[in-house]
């Protein structure tokens, strides 16, 4: 029962991360074509996602991952486990070092009427979001395929 609950929470936290990525990838370009005040409000909400939502999802993901290893038949040396931890670490670093500053820059530019800076920031955010999504999908594949076993 405990393992089932941990696995359920683990999968749900990956779905939360991946789902939010997909929503942002689909909606961000749509908001970028709309009024600046609406795009700025959307960007402020994506900042909130980065500061709160992704941290919660990543925290649950990490804790349940550790507990699954401790409770499971795998060793800490198994490749797929480290792929998962690496993706969480890379995602967290990208959030702090890249997404947050770029989103703040974009929101500030939109609010001040600087469309060129806002567009430039957005043009840097989208490829990073695609990379983050690809990394999460790779980690899911690694887990499902049990790389290293």
N, C-alpha and C. Protein backbone atom coordinates (compact mmCIF):
# COMPACT_ATOMS: atom_id res chain seq x y z
N UNK A 1 0.82 -1.20 0.00
CA UNK A 1 0.00 0.00 0.00
C UNK A 1 0.86 1.26 0.00
N UNK A 2 1.88 1.31 0.84
CA UNK A 2 2.75 2.49 0.92
C UNK A 2 3.44 2.74 -0.41
N UNK A 3 3.97 1.68 -1.01
CA UNK A 3 4.66 1.83 -2.29
C UNK A 3 3.69 2.33 -3.36
N UNK A 4 2.48 1.81 -3.37
CA UNK A 4 1.47 2.24 -4.34
C UNK A 4 1.15 3.72 -4.17
N UNK A 5 0.97 4.15 -2.93
CA UNK A 5 0.70 5.55 -2.66
C UNK A 5 1.87 6.44 -3.08
N UNK A 6 3.09 6.01 -2.76
CA UNK A 6 4.28 6.78 -3.16
C UNK A 6 4.39 6.88 -4.68
N UNK A 7 4.17 5.76 -5.35
CA UNK A 7 4.25 5.76 -6.82
C UNK A 7 3.16 6.65 -7.41
N UNK A 8 1.96 6.60 -6.85
CA UNK A 8 0.87 7.45 -7.31
C UNK A 8 1.23 8.93 -7.15
N UNK A 9 1.75 9.31 -5.99
CA UNK A 9 2.17 10.70 -5.76
C UNK A 9 3.31 11.10 -6.69
N UNK A 10 4.22 10.18 -6.91
CA UNK A 10 5.36 10.43 -7.80
C UNK A 10 4.88 10.72 -9.22
N UNK A 11 4.00 9.87 -9.72
CA UNK A 11 3.47 10.04 -11.07
C UNK A 11 2.62 11.31 -11.15
N UNK A 12 1.82 11.58 -10.13
CA UNK A 12 1.00 12.80 -10.12
C UNK A 12 1.87 14.06 -10.13
N UNK A 13 2.99 14.04 -9.43
CA UNK A 13 3.85 15.22 -9.42
C UNK A 13 4.54 15.43 -10.77
N UNK A 14 4.88 14.35 -11.45
CA UNK A 14 5.42 14.48 -12.81
C UNK A 14 4.35 15.04 -13.73
N UNK A 15 3.13 14.54 -13.59
CA UNK A 15 2.02 15.04 -14.41
C UNK A 15 1.78 16.53 -14.14
N UNK A 16 1.91 16.94 -12.89
CA UNK A 16 1.73 18.35 -12.55
C UNK A 16 2.78 19.21 -13.26
N UNK A 17 4.03 18.80 -13.21
CA UNK A 17 5.13 19.53 -13.85
C UNK A 17 4.92 19.56 -15.36
N UNK A 18 4.73 18.39 -15.93
CA UNK A 18 4.60 18.29 -17.38
C UNK A 18 3.33 18.99 -17.88
N UNK A 19 2.24 18.85 -17.16
CA UNK A 19 1.00 19.51 -17.56
C UNK A 19 1.13 21.02 -17.56
N UNK A 20 1.76 21.57 -16.53
CA UNK A 20 1.97 23.02 -16.48
C UNK A 20 2.87 23.47 -17.63
N UNK A 21 3.88 22.68 -17.94
CA UNK A 21 4.74 23.02 -19.09
C UNK A 21 3.93 23.07 -20.38
N UNK A 22 3.11 22.05 -20.61
CA UNK A 22 2.33 22.01 -21.84
C UNK A 22 1.36 23.20 -21.92
N UNK A 23 0.70 23.50 -20.82
CA UNK A 23 -0.24 24.63 -20.81
C UNK A 23 0.50 25.93 -21.14
N UNK A 24 1.65 26.13 -20.53
CA UNK A 24 2.40 27.36 -20.80
C UNK A 24 2.89 27.41 -22.25
N UNK A 25 3.35 26.29 -22.76
CA UNK A 25 3.83 26.27 -24.16
C UNK A 25 2.71 26.58 -25.14
N UNK A 26 1.51 26.15 -24.83
CA UNK A 26 0.38 26.39 -25.71
C UNK A 26 -0.17 27.81 -25.54
N UNK A 27 -0.29 28.26 -24.30
CA UNK A 27 -0.95 29.55 -24.06
C UNK A 27 -0.03 30.77 -24.16
N UNK A 28 1.22 30.63 -23.84
CA UNK A 28 2.11 31.81 -23.85
C UNK A 28 2.15 32.52 -25.20
N UNK A 29 2.29 31.81 -26.32
CA UNK A 29 2.26 32.52 -27.60
C UNK A 29 0.93 33.21 -27.88
N UNK A 30 -0.16 32.63 -27.40
CA UNK A 30 -1.48 33.26 -27.58
C UNK A 30 -1.58 34.55 -26.79
N UNK A 31 -1.11 34.53 -25.53
CA UNK A 31 -1.13 35.74 -24.72
C UNK A 31 -0.18 36.79 -25.27
N UNK A 32 0.93 36.36 -25.86
CA UNK A 32 1.90 37.31 -26.42
C UNK A 32 1.30 38.11 -27.57
N UNK A 33 0.29 37.56 -28.25
CA UNK A 33 -0.35 38.26 -29.37
C UNK A 33 -1.45 39.21 -28.92
N UNK A 34 -1.79 39.15 -27.64
CA UNK A 34 -2.89 39.97 -27.12
C UNK A 34 -2.40 41.29 -26.54
N UNK A 35 -3.28 41.98 -25.83
CA UNK A 35 -2.92 43.26 -25.21
C UNK A 35 -1.78 43.09 -24.20
N UNK A 36 -0.93 44.09 -24.09
CA UNK A 36 0.25 44.03 -23.23
C UNK A 36 -0.12 43.81 -21.77
N UNK A 37 -1.21 44.44 -21.32
CA UNK A 37 -1.58 44.27 -19.91
C UNK A 37 -2.01 42.84 -19.60
N UNK A 38 -2.66 42.19 -20.56
CA UNK A 38 -3.07 40.80 -20.38
C UNK A 38 -1.84 39.89 -20.43
N UNK A 39 -0.93 40.15 -21.37
CA UNK A 39 0.31 39.37 -21.46
C UNK A 39 1.14 39.53 -20.20
N UNK A 40 1.17 40.74 -19.64
CA UNK A 40 1.92 40.98 -18.40
C UNK A 40 1.29 40.20 -17.25
N UNK A 41 -0.03 40.21 -17.17
CA UNK A 41 -0.72 39.46 -16.10
C UNK A 41 -0.44 37.97 -16.23
N UNK A 42 -0.48 37.45 -17.44
CA UNK A 42 -0.15 36.04 -17.67
C UNK A 42 1.29 35.76 -17.25
N UNK A 43 2.20 36.62 -17.63
CA UNK A 43 3.60 36.42 -17.29
C UNK A 43 3.79 36.44 -15.78
N UNK A 44 3.10 37.32 -15.08
CA UNK A 44 3.17 37.35 -13.61
C UNK A 44 2.68 36.03 -13.02
N UNK A 45 1.68 35.44 -13.64
CA UNK A 45 1.19 34.14 -13.15
C UNK A 45 2.20 33.03 -13.43
N UNK A 46 2.91 33.12 -14.54
CA UNK A 46 3.95 32.12 -14.80
C UNK A 46 5.09 32.26 -13.79
N UNK A 47 5.34 33.49 -13.35
CA UNK A 47 6.35 33.70 -12.30
C UNK A 47 5.89 33.01 -11.02
N UNK A 48 4.61 33.18 -10.68
CA UNK A 48 4.06 32.50 -9.50
C UNK A 48 4.21 30.99 -9.62
N UNK A 49 3.91 30.46 -10.82
CA UNK A 49 4.09 29.02 -11.04
C UNK A 49 5.52 28.61 -10.72
N UNK A 50 6.48 29.40 -11.19
CA UNK A 50 7.88 29.08 -10.95
C UNK A 50 8.28 29.17 -9.49
N UNK A 51 7.70 30.11 -8.79
CA UNK A 51 8.07 30.31 -7.38
C UNK A 51 7.35 29.36 -6.43
N UNK A 52 6.16 28.93 -6.77
CA UNK A 52 5.37 28.12 -5.85
C UNK A 52 5.02 26.73 -6.42
N UNK A 53 4.34 26.74 -7.54
CA UNK A 53 3.78 25.50 -8.09
C UNK A 53 4.87 24.48 -8.43
N UNK A 54 5.85 24.90 -9.23
CA UNK A 54 6.90 23.97 -9.64
C UNK A 54 7.74 23.52 -8.44
N UNK A 55 7.92 24.40 -7.46
CA UNK A 55 8.65 23.99 -6.26
C UNK A 55 7.90 22.90 -5.51
N UNK A 56 6.58 23.04 -5.40
CA UNK A 56 5.78 22.02 -4.73
C UNK A 56 5.83 20.70 -5.51
N UNK A 57 5.62 20.78 -6.81
CA UNK A 57 5.65 19.56 -7.64
C UNK A 57 7.03 18.90 -7.58
N UNK A 58 8.08 19.70 -7.70
CA UNK A 58 9.44 19.16 -7.64
C UNK A 58 9.79 18.60 -6.28
N UNK A 59 9.28 19.23 -5.23
CA UNK A 59 9.51 18.72 -3.88
C UNK A 59 8.85 17.37 -3.66
N UNK A 60 7.59 17.26 -4.05
CA UNK A 60 6.88 15.98 -3.92
C UNK A 60 7.56 14.93 -4.79
N UNK A 61 7.95 15.31 -5.98
CA UNK A 61 8.64 14.39 -6.90
C UNK A 61 9.92 13.86 -6.29
N UNK A 62 10.72 14.74 -5.72
CA UNK A 62 12.00 14.34 -5.14
C UNK A 62 11.81 13.46 -3.90
N UNK A 63 10.94 13.89 -2.99
CA UNK A 63 10.72 13.13 -1.76
C UNK A 63 10.16 11.74 -2.08
N UNK A 64 9.18 11.68 -2.96
CA UNK A 64 8.62 10.36 -3.29
C UNK A 64 9.63 9.51 -4.04
N UNK A 65 10.47 10.14 -4.88
CA UNK A 65 11.51 9.38 -5.57
C UNK A 65 12.49 8.75 -4.60
N UNK A 66 12.93 9.52 -3.62
CA UNK A 66 13.84 8.99 -2.59
C UNK A 66 13.17 7.85 -1.83
N UNK A 67 11.93 8.07 -1.40
CA UNK A 67 11.23 7.04 -0.64
C UNK A 67 10.98 5.78 -1.47
N UNK A 68 10.72 5.95 -2.76
CA UNK A 68 10.54 4.77 -3.63
C UNK A 68 11.83 3.97 -3.75
N UNK A 69 12.96 4.66 -3.82
CA UNK A 69 14.24 3.94 -3.88
C UNK A 69 14.48 3.21 -2.55
N UNK A 70 14.24 3.89 -1.45
CA UNK A 70 14.44 3.27 -0.14
C UNK A 70 13.52 2.08 0.08
N UNK A 71 12.31 2.16 -0.48
CA UNK A 71 11.29 1.12 -0.29
C UNK A 71 11.29 0.07 -1.41
N UNK A 72 12.07 0.30 -2.46
CA UNK A 72 11.99 -0.56 -3.64
C UNK A 72 13.16 -1.51 -3.78
N UNK A 73 13.21 -2.12 -4.94
CA UNK A 73 14.23 -3.11 -5.24
C UNK A 73 15.42 -2.52 -5.99
N UNK A 74 15.49 -1.19 -6.10
CA UNK A 74 16.54 -0.57 -6.88
C UNK A 74 17.64 -0.05 -5.97
N UNK A 75 18.81 0.09 -6.55
CA UNK A 75 19.93 0.65 -5.78
C UNK A 75 20.17 2.09 -6.23
N UNK A 76 20.90 2.82 -5.42
CA UNK A 76 21.20 4.22 -5.75
C UNK A 76 22.08 4.32 -6.98
N UNK A 77 22.69 3.25 -7.40
CA UNK A 77 23.54 3.28 -8.58
C UNK A 77 22.81 3.06 -9.90
N UNK A 78 21.52 2.84 -9.84
CA UNK A 78 20.74 2.57 -11.05
C UNK A 78 20.59 3.84 -11.88
N UNK A 79 20.86 3.72 -13.18
CA UNK A 79 20.88 4.89 -14.07
C UNK A 79 19.58 5.68 -14.07
N UNK A 80 18.45 5.01 -14.18
CA UNK A 80 17.19 5.76 -14.32
C UNK A 80 16.89 6.61 -13.10
N UNK A 81 17.36 6.18 -11.95
CA UNK A 81 17.16 6.97 -10.72
C UNK A 81 17.93 8.28 -10.83
N UNK A 82 19.15 8.20 -11.30
CA UNK A 82 19.98 9.41 -11.40
C UNK A 82 19.54 10.31 -12.54
N UNK A 83 18.96 9.74 -13.58
CA UNK A 83 18.37 10.57 -14.64
C UNK A 83 17.27 11.43 -14.03
N UNK A 84 16.41 10.81 -13.21
CA UNK A 84 15.33 11.55 -12.56
C UNK A 84 15.85 12.66 -11.66
N UNK A 85 16.81 12.35 -10.82
CA UNK A 85 17.36 13.38 -9.93
C UNK A 85 18.04 14.49 -10.72
N UNK A 86 18.74 14.11 -11.78
CA UNK A 86 19.42 15.13 -12.60
C UNK A 86 18.40 16.07 -13.24
N UNK A 87 17.31 15.53 -13.74
CA UNK A 87 16.30 16.37 -14.38
C UNK A 87 15.65 17.31 -13.37
N UNK A 88 15.38 16.84 -12.17
CA UNK A 88 14.82 17.72 -11.14
C UNK A 88 15.82 18.83 -10.81
N UNK A 89 17.09 18.48 -10.67
CA UNK A 89 18.12 19.49 -10.36
C UNK A 89 18.27 20.49 -11.51
N UNK A 90 18.32 20.00 -12.73
CA UNK A 90 18.44 20.89 -13.89
C UNK A 90 17.21 21.78 -14.00
N UNK A 91 16.03 21.21 -13.82
CA UNK A 91 14.80 22.01 -13.87
C UNK A 91 14.78 23.10 -12.82
N UNK A 92 15.19 22.76 -11.61
CA UNK A 92 15.25 23.75 -10.55
C UNK A 92 16.25 24.86 -10.85
N UNK A 93 17.41 24.46 -11.34
CA UNK A 93 18.44 25.46 -11.70
C UNK A 93 17.97 26.35 -12.84
N UNK A 94 17.33 25.75 -13.83
CA UNK A 94 16.80 26.55 -14.94
C UNK A 94 15.76 27.55 -14.45
N UNK A 95 14.93 27.12 -13.50
CA UNK A 95 13.92 28.01 -12.94
C UNK A 95 14.53 29.22 -12.28
N UNK A 96 15.49 28.99 -11.41
CA UNK A 96 16.10 30.07 -10.64
C UNK A 96 17.00 30.95 -11.52
N UNK A 97 17.81 30.32 -12.35
CA UNK A 97 18.83 31.06 -13.11
C UNK A 97 18.34 31.63 -14.43
N UNK A 98 17.32 31.01 -15.03
CA UNK A 98 16.91 31.42 -16.37
C UNK A 98 15.45 31.86 -16.44
N UNK A 99 14.53 30.97 -16.08
CA UNK A 99 13.12 31.30 -16.23
C UNK A 99 12.70 32.52 -15.41
N UNK A 100 13.04 32.53 -14.14
CA UNK A 100 12.60 33.64 -13.28
C UNK A 100 13.12 34.99 -13.76
N UNK A 101 14.44 35.13 -14.01
CA UNK A 101 14.91 36.44 -14.48
C UNK A 101 14.31 36.85 -15.82
N UNK A 102 14.17 35.90 -16.74
CA UNK A 102 13.59 36.23 -18.04
C UNK A 102 12.12 36.61 -17.93
N UNK A 103 11.37 35.89 -17.11
CA UNK A 103 9.95 36.21 -16.94
C UNK A 103 9.78 37.57 -16.25
N UNK A 104 10.60 37.86 -15.26
CA UNK A 104 10.56 39.17 -14.61
C UNK A 104 10.87 40.28 -15.62
N UNK A 105 11.87 40.04 -16.42
CA UNK A 105 12.25 41.01 -17.46
C UNK A 105 11.10 41.22 -18.44
N UNK A 106 10.48 40.13 -18.84
CA UNK A 106 9.36 40.21 -19.77
C UNK A 106 8.18 40.97 -19.16
N UNK A 107 7.81 40.62 -17.93
CA UNK A 107 6.68 41.28 -17.28
C UNK A 107 6.96 42.77 -17.10
N UNK A 108 8.15 43.11 -16.64
CA UNK A 108 8.51 44.52 -16.46
C UNK A 108 8.44 45.27 -17.79
N UNK A 109 8.95 44.64 -18.84
CA UNK A 109 8.94 45.27 -20.17
C UNK A 109 7.51 45.47 -20.66
N UNK A 110 6.67 44.48 -20.48
CA UNK A 110 5.28 44.60 -20.91
C UNK A 110 4.58 45.73 -20.15
N UNK A 111 4.84 45.80 -18.86
CA UNK A 111 4.19 46.82 -18.03
C UNK A 111 4.69 48.23 -18.33
N UNK A 112 5.91 48.34 -18.84
CA UNK A 112 6.46 49.67 -19.16
C UNK A 112 6.29 50.04 -20.63
N UNK A 113 5.70 49.13 -21.42
CA UNK A 113 5.47 49.42 -22.83
C UNK A 113 6.65 49.11 -23.74
N UNK A 114 7.63 48.38 -23.27
CA UNK A 114 8.81 48.03 -24.06
C UNK A 114 8.57 46.70 -24.76
N UNK A 115 7.87 46.76 -25.88
CA UNK A 115 7.49 45.54 -26.60
C UNK A 115 8.69 44.76 -27.12
N UNK A 116 9.74 45.46 -27.53
CA UNK A 116 10.92 44.78 -28.08
C UNK A 116 11.61 43.91 -27.02
N UNK A 117 11.79 44.46 -25.83
CA UNK A 117 12.43 43.69 -24.75
C UNK A 117 11.54 42.53 -24.34
N UNK A 118 10.23 42.76 -24.28
CA UNK A 118 9.30 41.69 -23.93
C UNK A 118 9.37 40.55 -24.94
N UNK A 119 9.40 40.89 -26.21
CA UNK A 119 9.47 39.87 -27.26
C UNK A 119 10.80 39.12 -27.22
N UNK A 120 11.88 39.84 -26.94
CA UNK A 120 13.20 39.20 -26.86
C UNK A 120 13.24 38.22 -25.69
N UNK A 121 12.70 38.61 -24.56
CA UNK A 121 12.66 37.70 -23.41
C UNK A 121 11.83 36.47 -23.73
N UNK A 122 10.68 36.68 -24.36
CA UNK A 122 9.81 35.56 -24.73
C UNK A 122 10.51 34.63 -25.71
N UNK A 123 11.28 35.18 -26.62
CA UNK A 123 11.98 34.36 -27.61
C UNK A 123 13.07 33.50 -26.95
N UNK A 124 13.50 33.87 -25.77
CA UNK A 124 14.48 33.07 -25.03
C UNK A 124 13.78 32.07 -24.09
N UNK A 125 12.59 32.42 -23.61
CA UNK A 125 11.86 31.55 -22.69
C UNK A 125 11.36 30.29 -23.39
N UNK A 126 10.80 30.45 -24.58
CA UNK A 126 10.17 29.31 -25.26
C UNK A 126 11.15 28.15 -25.52
N UNK A 127 12.34 28.39 -26.08
CA UNK A 127 13.27 27.26 -26.27
C UNK A 127 13.67 26.60 -24.95
N UNK A 128 13.82 27.40 -23.91
CA UNK A 128 14.14 26.83 -22.59
C UNK A 128 13.00 25.96 -22.08
N UNK A 129 11.77 26.41 -22.30
CA UNK A 129 10.60 25.63 -21.89
C UNK A 129 10.53 24.32 -22.67
N UNK A 130 10.86 24.37 -23.95
CA UNK A 130 10.90 23.15 -24.75
C UNK A 130 11.97 22.19 -24.25
N UNK A 131 13.14 22.73 -23.89
CA UNK A 131 14.22 21.91 -23.34
C UNK A 131 13.79 21.28 -22.02
N UNK A 132 13.20 22.07 -21.13
CA UNK A 132 12.73 21.56 -19.85
C UNK A 132 11.73 20.43 -20.06
N UNK A 133 10.80 20.63 -20.97
CA UNK A 133 9.78 19.62 -21.26
C UNK A 133 10.42 18.36 -21.83
N UNK A 134 11.36 18.53 -22.74
CA UNK A 134 12.06 17.37 -23.32
C UNK A 134 12.81 16.58 -22.24
N UNK A 135 13.43 17.30 -21.31
CA UNK A 135 14.15 16.63 -20.22
C UNK A 135 13.19 15.83 -19.33
N UNK A 136 12.05 16.40 -19.01
CA UNK A 136 11.07 15.69 -18.19
C UNK A 136 10.57 14.45 -18.94
N UNK A 137 10.28 14.60 -20.22
CA UNK A 137 9.84 13.45 -21.02
C UNK A 137 10.92 12.38 -21.09
N UNK A 138 12.19 12.80 -21.19
CA UNK A 138 13.29 11.83 -21.20
C UNK A 138 13.35 11.08 -19.86
N UNK A 139 13.16 11.80 -18.76
CA UNK A 139 13.17 11.15 -17.45
C UNK A 139 12.02 10.16 -17.32
N UNK A 140 10.85 10.52 -17.83
CA UNK A 140 9.73 9.58 -17.81
C UNK A 140 10.09 8.33 -18.60
N UNK A 141 10.68 8.52 -19.77
CA UNK A 141 11.10 7.37 -20.57
C UNK A 141 12.12 6.52 -19.81
N UNK A 142 13.09 7.18 -19.18
CA UNK A 142 14.10 6.46 -18.41
C UNK A 142 13.47 5.62 -17.30
N UNK A 143 12.44 6.19 -16.65
CA UNK A 143 11.77 5.47 -15.57
C UNK A 143 10.96 4.28 -16.10
N UNK A 144 10.21 4.53 -17.16
CA UNK A 144 9.36 3.48 -17.72
C UNK A 144 10.21 2.34 -18.28
N UNK A 145 11.30 2.70 -18.96
CA UNK A 145 12.18 1.71 -19.58
C UNK A 145 13.20 1.14 -18.59
N UNK A 146 13.28 1.75 -17.41
CA UNK A 146 14.21 1.32 -16.35
C UNK A 146 15.65 1.27 -16.86
N UNK A 147 16.11 2.42 -17.38
CA UNK A 147 17.48 2.50 -17.89
C UNK A 147 18.46 2.01 -16.83
N UNK A 148 19.39 1.21 -17.25
CA UNK A 148 20.43 0.71 -16.37
C UNK A 148 20.12 -0.63 -15.71
N UNK A 149 18.94 -1.14 -15.95
CA UNK A 149 18.62 -2.47 -15.39
C UNK A 149 18.73 -3.54 -16.45
